[in-house]
C-alpha atoms as a PDB file:
ATOM      1  CA  UNK A   1      18.560  23.955  -5.151  1.00  0.00           C
ATOM      2  CA  UNK A   2      15.423  22.835  -3.069  1.00  0.00           C
ATOM      3  CA  UNK A   3      15.722  24.455   0.448  1.00  0.00           C
ATOM      4  CA  UNK A   4      13.376  25.063   3.394  1.00  0.00           C
ATOM      5  CA  UNK A   5      13.835  28.807   2.815  1.00  0.00           C
ATOM      6  CA  UNK A   6      12.481  28.654  -0.772  1.00  0.00           C
ATOM      7  CA  UNK A   7       9.772  26.117  -0.307  1.00  0.00           C
ATOM      8  CA  UNK A   8       8.415  27.504   2.960  1.00  0.00           C
ATOM      9  CA  UNK A   9       6.850  26.233   6.099  1.00  0.00           C
ATOM     10  CA  UNK A  10       4.653  23.653   4.409  1.00  0.00           C
ATOM     11  CA  UNK A  11       7.681  21.478   3.100  1.00  0.00           C
ATOM     12  CA  UNK A  12       9.183  21.446   6.556  1.00  0.00           C
ATOM     13  CA  UNK A  13       6.098  20.322   8.121  1.00  0.00           C
ATOM     14  CA  UNK A  14       5.458  17.661   5.524  1.00  0.00           C
ATOM     15  CA  UNK A  15       9.061  16.267   5.880  1.00  0.00           C
ATOM     16  CA  UNK A  16       8.729  16.122   9.647  1.00  0.00           C
ATOM     17  CA  UNK A  17       5.361  14.345   9.698  1.00  0.00           C
ATOM     18  CA  UNK A  18       6.374  12.035   6.765  1.00  0.00           C
ATOM     19  CA  UNK A  19       9.508  10.958   8.546  1.00  0.00           C
ATOM     20  CA  UNK A  20       7.503   9.938  11.573  1.00  0.00           C
ATOM     21  CA  UNK A  21       5.051   8.202   9.106  1.00  0.00           C
ATOM     22  CA  UNK A  22       7.927   6.237   7.674  1.00  0.00           C
ATOM     23  CA  UNK A  23       8.926   5.123  11.214  1.00  0.00           C
ATOM     24  CA  UNK A  24       5.326   4.194  12.070  1.00  0.00           C
ATOM     25  CA  UNK A  25       5.120   1.912   8.940  1.00  0.00           C
ATOM     26  CA  UNK A  26       8.453   0.465  10.022  1.00  0.00           C
ATOM     27  CA  UNK A  27       6.803  -0.454  13.248  1.00  0.00           C
ATOM     28  CA  UNK A  28       3.818  -1.964  11.765  1.00  0.00           C
ATOM     29  CA  UNK A  29       5.953  -3.996   9.346  1.00  0.00           C
ATOM     30  CA  UNK A  30       8.147  -5.336  12.015  1.00  0.00           C
ATOM     31  CA  UNK A  31       5.339  -6.145  14.488  1.00  0.00           C
ATOM     32  CA  UNK A  32       3.284  -8.058  11.786  1.00  0.00           C
ATOM     33  CA  UNK A  33       6.276  -9.900  10.488  1.00  0.00           C
ATOM     34  CA  UNK A  34       6.704 -13.652  11.363  1.00  0.00           C
ATOM     35  CA  UNK A  35      10.178 -13.567   9.757  1.00  0.00           C
ATOM     36  CA  UNK A  36      11.835 -11.095  12.004  1.00  0.00           C
ATOM     37  CA  UNK A  37      12.993 -12.823  15.354  1.00  0.00           C
ATOM     38  CA  UNK A  38      11.963 -11.522  18.710  1.00  0.00           C
ATOM     39  CA  UNK A  39      15.421 -10.141  19.575  1.00  0.00           C
ATOM     40  CA  UNK A  40      15.381  -8.068  16.382  1.00  0.00           C
ATOM     41  CA  UNK A  41      11.963  -6.698  17.074  1.00  0.00           C
ATOM     42  CA  UNK A  42      13.202  -5.490  20.532  1.00  0.00           C
ATOM     43  CA  UNK A  43      16.149  -3.753  18.795  1.00  0.00           C
ATOM     44  CA  UNK A  44      13.908  -2.254  16.263  1.00  0.00           C
ATOM     45  CA  UNK A  45      11.882  -0.585  19.100  1.00  0.00           C
ATOM     46  CA  UNK A  46      15.157   0.748  20.598  1.00  0.00           C
ATOM     47  CA  UNK A  47      16.228   2.288  17.337  1.00  0.00           C
ATOM     48  CA  UNK A  48      12.760   3.703  16.509  1.00  0.00           C
ATOM     49  CA  UNK A  49      12.771   5.500  19.776  1.00  0.00           C
ATOM     50  CA  UNK A  50      16.304   6.855  19.296  1.00  0.00           C
ATOM     51  CA  UNK A  51      15.481   8.067  15.861  1.00  0.00           C
ATOM     52  CA  UNK A  52      12.264   9.887  16.817  1.00  0.00           C
ATOM     53  CA  UNK A  53      14.073  11.505  19.595  1.00  0.00           C
ATOM     54  CA  UNK A  54      17.302  12.547  17.836  1.00  0.00           C
ATOM     55  CA  UNK A  55      18.212  13.380  14.160  1.00  0.00           C
ATOM     56  CA  UNK A  56      20.975  10.709  14.152  1.00  0.00           C
ATOM     57  CA  UNK A  57      21.437   7.276  15.942  1.00  0.00           C
ATOM     58  CA  UNK A  58      25.258   6.965  16.647  1.00  0.00           C
ATOM     59  CA  UNK A  59      25.140   4.147  19.148  1.00  0.00           C
ATOM     60  CA  UNK A  60      24.158   1.494  16.634  1.00  0.00           C
ATOM     61  CA  UNK A  61      25.551   0.383  13.375  1.00  0.00           C
ATOM     62  CA  UNK A  62      23.482  -2.809  12.817  1.00  0.00           C
ATOM     63  CA  UNK A  63      21.002  -3.994  10.257  1.00  0.00           C
ATOM     64  CA  UNK A  64      17.981  -2.735  12.166  1.00  0.00           C
ATOM     65  CA  UNK A  65      19.441   0.868  11.980  1.00  0.00           C
ATOM     66  CA  UNK A  66      19.912   0.330   8.318  1.00  0.00           C
ATOM     67  CA  UNK A  67      16.245  -0.605   7.824  1.00  0.00           C
ATOM     68  CA  UNK A  68      14.962   2.073   9.864  1.00  0.00           C
ATOM     69  CA  UNK A  69      16.868   4.892   7.991  1.00  0.00           C
ATOM     70  CA  UNK A  70      15.955   3.535   4.740  1.00  0.00           C
ATOM     71  CA  UNK A  71      12.325   3.383   5.425  1.00  0.00           C
ATOM     72  CA  UNK A  72      12.064   6.643   7.153  1.00  0.00           C
ATOM     73  CA  UNK A  73      13.828   8.302   4.153  1.00  0.00           C
ATOM     74  CA  UNK A  74      11.462   6.652   1.853  1.00  0.00           C
ATOM     75  CA  UNK A  75       8.608   8.106   3.879  1.00  0.00           C
ATOM     76  CA  UNK A  76       9.815  11.526   3.355  1.00  0.00           C
ATOM     77  CA  UNK A  77      10.065  10.996  -0.346  1.00  0.00           C
ATOM     78  CA  UNK A  78       6.729   9.460  -0.608  1.00  0.00           C
ATOM     79  CA  UNK A  79       4.776  12.146   1.475  1.00  0.00           C
ATOM     80  CA  UNK A  80       6.552  15.138  -0.310  1.00  0.00           C
ATOM     81  CA  UNK A  81       5.814  13.616  -3.686  1.00  0.00           C
ATOM     82  CA  UNK A  82       2.151  12.844  -2.756  1.00  0.00           C
ATOM     83  CA  UNK A  83       1.687  16.329  -1.331  1.00  0.00           C
ATOM     84  CA  UNK A  84       2.827  17.637  -4.856  1.00  0.00           C
ATOM     85  CA  UNK A  85      -0.020  15.529  -6.545  1.00  0.00           C
ATOM     86  CA  UNK A  86      -2.662  16.614  -4.249  1.00  0.00           C
ATOM     87  CA  UNK A  87      -1.715  20.281  -4.795  1.00  0.00           C
ATOM     88  CA  UNK A  88      -0.630  21.053  -1.174  1.00  0.00           C
ATOM     89  CA  UNK A  89       2.733  22.550  -2.293  1.00  0.00           C
ATOM     90  CA  UNK A  90       3.016  25.404  -4.707  1.00  0.00           C
ATOM     91  CA  UNK A  91       6.489  24.355  -5.927  1.00  0.00           C
ATOM     92  CA  UNK A  92       5.506  21.298  -7.832  1.00  0.00           C
ATOM     93  CA  UNK A  93       2.612  19.349  -9.203  1.00  0.00           C
ATOM     94  CA  UNK A  94       1.330  15.696  -9.905  1.00  0.00           C
ATOM     95  CA  UNK A  95       3.431  12.722  -8.498  1.00  0.00           C
ATOM     96  CA  UNK A  96       6.667  14.692  -8.865  1.00  0.00           C
ATOM     97  CA  UNK A  97       8.940  11.930  -7.568  1.00  0.00           C
ATOM     98  CA  UNK A  98      12.176  13.827  -8.713  1.00  0.00           C
ATOM     99  CA  UNK A  99      10.991  16.630  -6.601  1.00  0.00           C
ATOM    100  CA  UNK A 100      10.469  14.550  -3.579  1.00  0.00           C
ATOM    101  CA  UNK A 101      13.952  12.858  -4.074  1.00  0.00           C
ATOM    102  CA  UNK A 102      15.632  16.155  -4.380  1.00  0.00           C
ATOM    103  CA  UNK A 103      13.958  17.647  -1.317  1.00  0.00           C
ATOM    104  CA  UNK A 104      14.715  14.622   0.648  1.00  0.00           C
ATOM    105  CA  UNK A 105      18.563  14.744  -0.301  1.00  0.00           C
ATOM    106  CA  UNK A 106      18.654  18.371   0.913  1.00  0.00           C
ATOM    107  CA  UNK A 107      16.508  17.835   4.007  1.00  0.00           C
ATOM    108  CA  UNK A 108      17.768  14.333   5.214  1.00  0.00           C
ATOM    109  CA  UNK A 109      21.239  13.901   3.813  1.00  0.00           C
ATOM    110  CA  UNK A 110      22.545  17.412   4.536  1.00  0.00           C
ATOM    111  CA  UNK A 111      23.987  16.592   8.073  1.00  0.00           C
ATOM    112  CA  UNK A 112      25.383  13.335   6.948  1.00  0.00           C
ATOM    113  CA  UNK A 113      27.346  14.994   4.126  1.00  0.00           C
ATOM    114  CA  UNK A 114      28.626  17.539   6.573  1.00  0.00           C
ATOM    115  CA  UNK A 115      30.033  14.771   8.925  1.00  0.00           C
ATOM    116  CA  UNK A 116      31.790  12.803   6.322  1.00  0.00           C
ATOM    117  CA  UNK A 117      32.468   9.915   8.705  1.00  0.00           C
ATOM    118  CA  UNK A 118      31.868   6.003   8.325  1.00  0.00           C
ATOM    119  CA  UNK A 119      28.560   6.150   9.796  1.00  0.00           C
ATOM    120  CA  UNK A 120      27.554   8.957   7.452  1.00  0.00           C
ATOM    121  CA  UNK A 121      28.686   6.776   4.571  1.00  0.00           C
ATOM    122  CA  UNK A 122      26.414   3.998   5.814  1.00  0.00           C
ATOM    123  CA  UNK A 123      23.535   6.120   6.293  1.00  0.00           C
ATOM    124  CA  UNK A 124      23.813   7.917   2.921  1.00  0.00           C
ATOM    125  CA  UNK A 125      23.983   4.433   1.339  1.00  0.00           C
ATOM    126  CA  UNK A 126      20.661   3.210   3.080  1.00  0.00           C
ATOM    127  CA  UNK A 127      19.172   6.454   2.454  1.00  0.00           C
ATOM    128  CA  UNK A 128      19.659   5.957  -1.118  1.00  0.00           C
ATOM    129  CA  UNK A 129      17.954   2.531  -1.027  1.00  0.00           C
ATOM    130  CA  UNK A 130      15.051   4.064   0.556  1.00  0.00           C
ATOM    131  CA  UNK A 131      14.468   6.485  -2.053  1.00  0.00           C
ATOM    132  CA  UNK A 132      15.139   3.933  -4.946  1.00  0.00           C
ATOM    133  CA  UNK A 133      12.486   1.697  -3.434  1.00  0.00           C
ATOM    134  CA  UNK A 134       9.933   4.437  -3.772  1.00  0.00           C
ATOM    135  CA  UNK A 135      10.715   5.122  -7.264  1.00  0.00           C
ATOM    136  CA  UNK A 136      10.825   1.408  -8.050  1.00  0.00           C
ATOM    137  CA  UNK A 137       7.060   1.079  -7.484  1.00  0.00           C
ATOM    138  CA  UNK A 138       5.985   4.001  -9.601  1.00  0.00           C
ATOM    139  CA  UNK A 139       3.004   3.047 -11.951  1.00  0.00           C
ATOM    140  CA  UNK A 140       1.970   4.193 -15.290  1.00  0.00           C
ATOM    141  CA  UNK A 141      -1.462   5.384 -15.195  1.00  0.00           C
ATOM    142  CA  UNK A 142      -3.715   6.530 -18.151  1.00  0.00           C
ATOM    143  CA  UNK A 143      -6.971   8.176 -18.835  1.00  0.00           C
ATOM    144  CA  UNK A 144      -8.867   7.997 -22.100  1.00  0.00           C
ATOM    145  CA  UNK A 145     -10.477  10.908 -23.858  1.00  0.00           C
ATOM    146  CA  UNK A 146     -13.053  10.915 -26.692  1.00  0.00           C
ATOM    147  CA  UNK A 147     -16.680  10.599 -27.641  1.00  0.00           C
ATOM    148  CA  UNK A 148     -18.767   7.963 -25.943  1.00  0.00           C
ATOM    149  CA  UNK A 149     -15.788   6.621 -23.956  1.00  0.00           C
ATOM    150  CA  UNK A 150     -13.569   5.946 -27.176  1.00  0.00           C
ATOM    151  CA  UNK A 151      -9.861   6.312 -26.453  1.00  0.00           C
ATOM    152  CA  UNK A 152      -8.888   8.504 -29.333  1.00  0.00           C
ATOM    153  CA  UNK A 153      -6.689  10.526 -27.081  1.00  0.00           C
ATOM    154  CA  UNK A 154      -4.978   9.068 -23.986  1.00  0.00           C
ATOM    155  CA  UNK A 155      -3.310  11.024 -21.231  1.00  0.00           C
ATOM    156  CA  UNK A 156      -0.556   9.036 -19.204  1.00  0.00           C
ATOM    157  CA  UNK A 157       1.368   9.983 -16.043  1.00  0.00           C
ATOM    158  CA  UNK A 158       3.520   8.217 -13.505  1.00  0.00           C
ATOM    159  CA  UNK A 159       2.054   7.598 -10.120  1.00  0.00           C
ATOM    160  CA  UNK A 160       3.092   6.112  -6.890  1.00  0.00           C
ATOM    161  CA  UNK A 161       1.755   2.829  -5.560  1.00  0.00           C
ATOM    162  CA  UNK A 162       0.722   2.078  -2.006  1.00  0.00           C
ATOM    163  CA  UNK A 163       3.746   2.710   0.388  1.00  0.00           C
ATOM    164  CA  UNK A 164       3.081  -0.647   1.932  1.00  0.00           C
ATOM    165  CA  UNK A 165       4.867  -2.143  -1.265  1.00  0.00           C
ATOM    166  CA  UNK A 166       7.973  -0.075  -0.484  1.00  0.00           C
ATOM    167  CA  UNK A 167       7.909  -1.213   3.126  1.00  0.00           C
ATOM    168  CA  UNK A 168       7.626  -4.796   2.209  1.00  0.00           C
ATOM    169  CA  UNK A 169      10.416  -4.446  -0.352  1.00  0.00           C
ATOM    170  CA  UNK A 170      12.688  -2.751   2.274  1.00  0.00           C
ATOM    171  CA  UNK A 171      11.860  -5.493   4.823  1.00  0.00           C
ATOM    172  CA  UNK A 172      13.027  -8.064   2.293  1.00  0.00           C
ATOM    173  CA  UNK A 173      16.225  -5.927   1.833  1.00  0.00           C
ATOM    174  CA  UNK A 174      16.590  -6.014   5.599  1.00  0.00           C
ATOM    175  CA  UNK A 175      16.442  -9.857   5.485  1.00  0.00           C
ATOM    176  CA  UNK A 176      19.314  -9.854   2.925  1.00  0.00           C
ATOM    177  CA  UNK A 177      21.368  -6.967   4.296  1.00  0.00           C
ATOM    178  CA  UNK A 178      25.219  -7.243   3.899  1.00  0.00           C
ATOM    179  CA  UNK A 179      27.674  -6.658   6.537  1.00  0.00           C
ATOM    180  CA  UNK A 180      30.502  -4.456   5.486  1.00  0.00           C
ATOM    181  CA  UNK A 181      33.731  -2.730   6.415  1.00  0.00           C
ATOM    182  CA  UNK A 182      35.191   0.543   5.259  1.00  0.00           C
ATOM    183  CA  UNK A 183      37.790   0.672   2.575  1.00  0.00           C
ATOM    184  CA  UNK A 184      41.223   1.793   3.715  1.00  0.00           C
ATOM    185  CA  UNK A 185      40.949   4.989   1.917  1.00  0.00           C
ATOM    186  CA  UNK A 186      37.451   5.631   3.412  1.00  0.00           C
ATOM    187  CA  UNK A 187      35.834   5.877   0.012  1.00  0.00           C
ATOM    188  CA  UNK A 188      33.426   3.017   0.130  1.00  0.00           C
ATOM    189  CA  UNK A 189      32.612  -0.391   1.318  1.00  0.00           C
ATOM    190  CA  UNK A 190      34.165  -3.895   1.397  1.00  0.00           C
ATOM    191  CA  UNK A 191      32.103  -6.898   2.190  1.00  0.00           C
ATOM    192  CA  UNK A 192      33.073  -8.245   5.827  1.00  0.00           C
ATOM    193  CA  UNK A 193      32.768 -11.912   4.797  1.00  0.00           C
ATOM    194  CA  UNK A 194      34.492 -12.758   1.452  1.00  0.00           C
ATOM    195  CA  UNK A 195      32.057 -15.641   1.161  1.00  0.00           C
ATOM    196  CA  UNK A 196      29.166 -13.257   0.493  1.00  0.00           C
ATOM    197  CA  UNK A 197      28.675 -11.092  -2.612  1.00  0.00           C
ATOM    198  CA  UNK A 198      29.691  -7.481  -2.956  1.00  0.00           C
ATOM    199  CA  UNK A 199      26.746  -5.112  -1.759  1.00  0.00           C
ATOM    200  CA  UNK A 200      25.219  -3.081  -4.530  1.00  0.00           C
ATOM    201  CA  UNK A 201      23.396   0.305  -4.481  1.00  0.00           C
ATOM    202  CA  UNK A 202      20.005  -1.629  -3.836  1.00  0.00           C
ATOM    203  CA  UNK A 203      21.355  -3.517  -0.800  1.00  0.00           C
ATOM    204  CA  UNK A 204      21.163  -2.339   2.789  1.00  0.00           C
ATOM    205  CA  UNK A 205      24.527  -2.324   4.542  1.00  0.00           C
ATOM    206  CA  UNK A 206      25.550  -2.333   8.229  1.00  0.00           C
ATOM    207  CA  UNK A 207      28.802  -2.567  10.107  1.00  0.00           C
ATOM    208  CA  UNK A 208      27.959  -4.515  13.493  1.00  0.00           C
ATOM    209  CA  UNK A 209      26.046  -7.412  14.483  1.00  0.00           C
ATOM    210  CA  UNK A 210      22.743  -6.674  16.460  1.00  0.00           C
ATOM    211  CA  UNK A 211      23.032  -6.752  20.103  1.00  0.00           C
ATOM    212  CA  UNK A 212      20.692  -9.182  22.103  1.00  0.00           C
ATOM    213  CA  UNK A 213      18.410  -6.977  24.200  1.00  0.00           C
ATOM    214  CA  UNK A 214      16.467  -9.937  25.390  1.00  0.00           C
ATOM    215  CA  UNK A 215      19.136 -10.916  28.005  1.00  0.00           C
ATOM    216  CA  UNK A 216      21.318  -8.997  30.322  1.00  0.00           C
ATOM    217  CA  UNK A 217      24.398  -7.663  28.920  1.00  0.00           C
ATOM    218  CA  UNK A 218      26.233  -5.061  30.908  1.00  0.00           C
ATOM    219  CA  UNK A 219      28.671  -4.154  28.202  1.00  0.00           C
ATOM    220  CA  UNK A 220      25.626  -3.202  25.906  1.00  0.00           C
ATOM    221  CA  UNK A 221      23.861  -1.516  28.950  1.00  0.00           C
ATOM    222  CA  UNK A 222      20.869  -3.941  28.507  1.00  0.00           C
ATOM    223  CA  UNK A 223      18.879  -4.993  31.582  1.00  0.00           C
ATOM    224  CA  UNK A 224      17.236  -7.769  29.645  1.00  0.00           C
ATOM    225  CA  UNK A 225      13.477  -8.358  29.689  1.00  0.00           C
ATOM    226  CA  UNK A 226      13.353 -10.953  32.565  1.00  0.00           C
ATOM    227  CA  UNK A 227      10.554  -9.923  35.029  1.00  0.00           C
ATOM    228  CA  UNK A 228       9.100  -7.245  32.826  1.00  0.00           C
ATOM    229  CA  UNK A 229       5.293  -7.002  32.879  1.00  0.00           C
ATOM    230  CA  UNK A 230       3.912  -7.691  29.398  1.00  0.00           C
ATOM    231  CA  UNK A 231       0.442  -7.536  27.618  1.00  0.00           C
ATOM    232  CA  UNK A 232      -0.642 -11.236  26.706  1.00  0.00           C
ATOM    233  CA  UNK A 233      -2.907 -10.078  23.821  1.00  0.00           C
ATOM    234  CA  UNK A 234      -0.727  -7.330  22.399  1.00  0.00           C
ATOM    235  CA  UNK A 235       1.169  -7.951  19.197  1.00  0.00           C
ATOM    236  CA  UNK A 236       3.293  -4.868  19.701  1.00  0.00           C
ATOM    237  CA  UNK A 237       6.605  -4.517  21.380  1.00  0.00           C
ATOM    238  CA  UNK A 238       4.777  -4.530  24.740  1.00  0.00           C
ATOM    239  CA  UNK A 239       3.302  -7.990  23.873  1.00  0.00           C
ATOM    240  CA  UNK A 240       4.508 -11.027  25.758  1.00  0.00           C
ATOM    241  CA  UNK A 241       5.302 -12.824  22.444  1.00  0.00           C
ATOM    242  CA  UNK A 242       7.859 -10.045  21.501  1.00  0.00           C
ATOM    243  CA  UNK A 243       8.982  -8.738  24.870  1.00  0.00           C
ATOM    244  CA  UNK A 244       9.706 -12.246  26.403  1.00  0.00           C
ATOM    245  CA  UNK A 245      11.747 -13.263  23.224  1.00  0.00           C
ATOM    246  CA  UNK A 246      10.126 -16.680  23.097  1.00  0.00           C
ATOM    247  CA  UNK A 247      11.082 -17.604  26.536  1.00  0.00           C
ATOM    248  CA  UNK A 248       7.407 -17.594  27.772  1.00  0.00           C
ATOM    249  CA  UNK A 249       5.872 -15.677  30.726  1.00  0.00           C
ATOM    250  CA  UNK A 250       4.465 -16.360  34.231  1.00  0.00           C
ATOM    251  CA  UNK A 251       0.932 -15.293  35.269  1.00  0.00           C
ATOM    252  CA  UNK A 252       0.346 -14.108  38.774  1.00  0.00           C
ATOM    253  CA  UNK A 253      -3.143 -13.107  39.971  1.00  0.00           C
ATOM    254  CA  UNK A 254      -3.081  -9.974  42.096  1.00  0.00           C
ATOM    255  CA  UNK A 255      -5.644  -7.866  43.810  1.00  0.00           C
ATOM    256  CA  UNK A 256      -5.361  -4.212  43.474  1.00  0.00           C
ATOM    257  CA  UNK A 257      -7.414  -1.045  44.473  1.00  0.00           C
ATOM    258  CA  UNK A 258      -8.761   1.123  41.477  1.00  0.00           C
ATOM    259  CA  UNK A 259     -11.024   4.074  41.285  1.00  0.00           C
ATOM    260  CA  UNK A 260     -14.512   3.268  40.093  1.00  0.00           C
ATOM    261  CA  UNK A 261     -18.049   4.634  39.570  1.00  0.00           C
ATOM    262  CA  UNK A 262     -16.710   8.194  39.114  1.00  0.00           C
ATOM    263  CA  UNK A 263     -19.356  10.894  38.973  1.00  0.00           C
ATOM    264  CA  UNK A 264     -19.161  14.545  38.212  1.00  0.00           C
ATOM    265  CA  UNK A 265     -20.467  16.840  40.831  1.00  0.00           C
ATOM    266  CA  UNK A 266     -21.488  20.554  40.234  1.00  0.00           C
ATOM    267  CA  UNK A 267     -19.253  22.447  40.461  1.00  0.00           C
ATOM    268  CA  UNK A 268     -16.624  21.201  39.889  1.00  0.00           C
ATOM    269  CA  UNK A 269     -15.354  17.961  41.142  1.00  0.00           C
ATOM    270  CA  UNK A 270     -15.105  14.298  40.171  1.00  0.00           C
ATOM    271  CA  UNK A 271     -15.712  11.726  43.018  1.00  0.00           C
ATOM    272  CA  UNK A 272     -14.724   8.183  42.718  1.00  0.00           C
ATOM    273  CA  UNK A 273     -15.297   5.179  44.794  1.00  0.00           C
ATOM    274  CA  UNK A 274     -12.496   2.892  45.510  1.00  0.00           C
ATOM    275  CA  UNK A 275     -13.012  -0.775  44.216  1.00  0.00           C
ATOM    276  CA  UNK A 276     -11.011  -3.959  44.617  1.00  0.00           C
ATOM    277  CA  UNK A 277     -10.303  -5.922  41.573  1.00  0.00           C
ATOM    278  CA  UNK A 278      -8.527  -9.080  40.743  1.00  0.00           C
ATOM    279  CA  UNK A 279      -6.270  -9.098  37.669  1.00  0.00           C
ATOM    280  CA  UNK A 280      -3.799 -11.416  36.005  1.00  0.00           C
ATOM    281  CA  UNK A 281      -0.296  -9.816  35.690  1.00  0.00           C
ATOM    282  CA  UNK A 282       2.128 -11.486  33.126  1.00  0.00           C
ATOM    283  CA  UNK A 283       5.843 -11.240  33.560  1.00  0.00           C
ATOM    284  CA  UNK A 284       8.633 -12.418  31.219  1.00  0.00           C
ATOM    285  CA  UNK A 285      10.478 -15.520  32.367  1.00  0.00           C
ATOM    286  CA  UNK A 286      14.155 -15.275  32.873  1.00  0.00           C
ATOM    287  CA  UNK A 287      16.606 -17.076  30.374  1.00  0.00           C
ATOM    288  CA  UNK A 288      18.334 -20.217  31.357  1.00  0.00           C
ATOM    289  CA  UNK A 289      21.237 -19.648  33.647  1.00  0.00           C
ATOM    290  CA  UNK A 290      23.894 -20.573  31.008  1.00  0.00           C
ATOM    291  CA  UNK A 291      22.340 -18.313  28.404  1.00  0.00           C
ATOM    292  CA  UNK A 292      22.526 -15.434  31.194  1.00  0.00           C
ATOM    293  CA  UNK A 293      26.117 -16.182  32.037  1.00  0.00           C
ATOM    294  CA  UNK A 294      27.137 -16.032  28.365  1.00  0.00           C
ATOM    295  CA  UNK A 295      26.016 -12.375  28.152  1.00  0.00           C
ATOM    296  CA  UNK A 296      27.788 -10.777  31.338  1.00  0.00           C
END
């Protein structure tokens, strides 16, 4: 059995850093996507923060959570496998993906298996989608050996492709994620809408529809984004395009006092002048009144 005790501190560090790396790729994928709606991007940001701060997100059972779990799990598998091939770990060699998968199961799945609740079943299913996605894009690479470049002898091995392929694949799975309910015996899932096909091992699954964090919703604890200051040029979650959820933004010119012309004086102080500057501040527009009333 692969364990932190047997594999040492290096594995634990790799697992932690690769978990965050998977989340960062998730963030890049979401922000750069024209397919994912603004309200979903806001919810992705919420889930990302929760998952970085806590080992388990219990407050959300939606498709965004399913995607984040899958891609962060894939990040662990990918980084551990890559560390094997680069000789950073003594317990394995080459692109040993089975070792990466085994370690990810012991490192990430352990808590879910102990809890054995509906949420654990959902997380384990989506974790499996993440590791299968990494394995899906393994390539066969070969090197020829022989005199004058002849290929009298060829050595081949399995190698991982760029992690972006895994991320893009899981994003497509997010778009086609299937809403499910628990079986009565608690052993598996049943599709929530009988008009849709049954979920397979390759599909992301979720229990609840995503909340709308773009508008005020007291029951969900959302204050909405109306009046929030946003960045006009940013494509991230702080950008007006994402934060304002397509409602547009207002621009106000304000004058403020800032520190400027700072100089270091020996020894040891930094003295600055106070300068007055005029800047544009962008704030998200409020939703239409009828839309706001529907959420309260």
